[in-house]
Amino acid sequence: MRCRIPLPVILWVLISLTACQTLSNTPPPPTLTSLLATPTLETAPPEEIDKMKMVFVPAGEFLMGSSAADEEADDDEKPQHSVYLEAYWIDQTEVTNVMYRRCVEAGGCTEPQHSARYGPDHYANHPVIGVTWFQAQAYCAWAGRRLPTEAEWEKAARGDDGRLYPWGNTPPNSDLLNFNRQVGDTTEVGQYPAGASPYGALDMAGNTWEWVADRYSQNYYAQSPTENPPGPAAGTTRVLRGGAWGVDTRAVRAANRFWAFPGRNDLDGFRCARS
C-alpha cells in the first residue's frame, strides 16, 4: 500500500532544504578588521617609496576663490570662479621629517634649514619645515609624485561646495587645527581628524604653510583657464597655502593665498600629488 504525502508537506520540505542551502552559502557578516582592510575609491595603499597614504579627489568642478561678499578675502582670491579638474590623488598629510630623511639618505634631497626641528626623534612625525620650493619639488620627484597645482590643493581642501574651511563653515577652534599660537609649534601630522577635508585630507589648515607648484600672480583668477589651470606662465614667486601654527583665522581659510620667493626656507612644508 502506497502512502501519499500531502502536497503542503512536500512544499514545506522543499522550502526548508532551499533555505538551509542558502544559509550555508551566505558569507559571515564583515568584521571591523575586514572593513578597514577593504580598499575604497577614496584611499590608496601607502606609497612604495615613502609610505605616504594618499586620498582620491574625483574629477569635476568646484568653486575656487572667494566671493565678493567675503569681507575677510583679499583681492587676489577674487573673482570666485568655477574650475574643472581631472581626477587626482593627494597626500593625506604633509610630508614628515622621517619621510624627508629617507630622501636625504638616498641622495635625492638636501637637508632642510631648521635642523632643530628636523633631527630630533620627537619631531620625526612632524611636518618637515624649512624647505625651499626647489627642495619640495625634488622630494616629490624622488617619491614618484609632484607638487599639486594651486587649484588641486584648494579643491582637496574644500571640496566642491564652496565651504570656507576643510571641515565646513564652523569657525576654527583648537579641536580642528593647530593655529593662532595655541600650541606654539608644529604638531605631529594627523592630530586633528575632526578638521579633515571632504576627501579625507588632513592638516590642510594650520600646522605649516605648504608649497604648491604654481607661480603667483595677484590677478591670475581674472584670466585663468576654467579647466586644469596650471598657474601663470611667468613670475618670480611661488604660492603657499594652508596657513601655519602661528597664523590667525583669516589665514587658514581654504581660499587664502600667500606667496614667497622659491628660495625661502622659513616655516614652510609641502605635500605631493599624482594624476
Foldseek 3Di string as FASTA:
>chain_A
DDDDDDPVVVVVVVVVVVVVVVVVPDDDDDDPVVVVVDDDQFWDQQQPQQRFIKGKDAWDKAWAFDDPPPPLGDLLRDDTDIATEHIWIWGLKFAFLLSLVSCVVVVQADAADPCVLRPDPVRRQWHDARAFLVRQQSSQVVSVFGFAALVVLLCQFAPHPPAFGQLGPPQDDPLQAQAQCPVVAADGWPPRQNNAHPSNRTLLAAAFKAWGDEADDSHCVVPADRYPGRHDPDDQKTKIAHYYNNHDRSRRTSNHIDIDGRRGGDGYTHITMHD
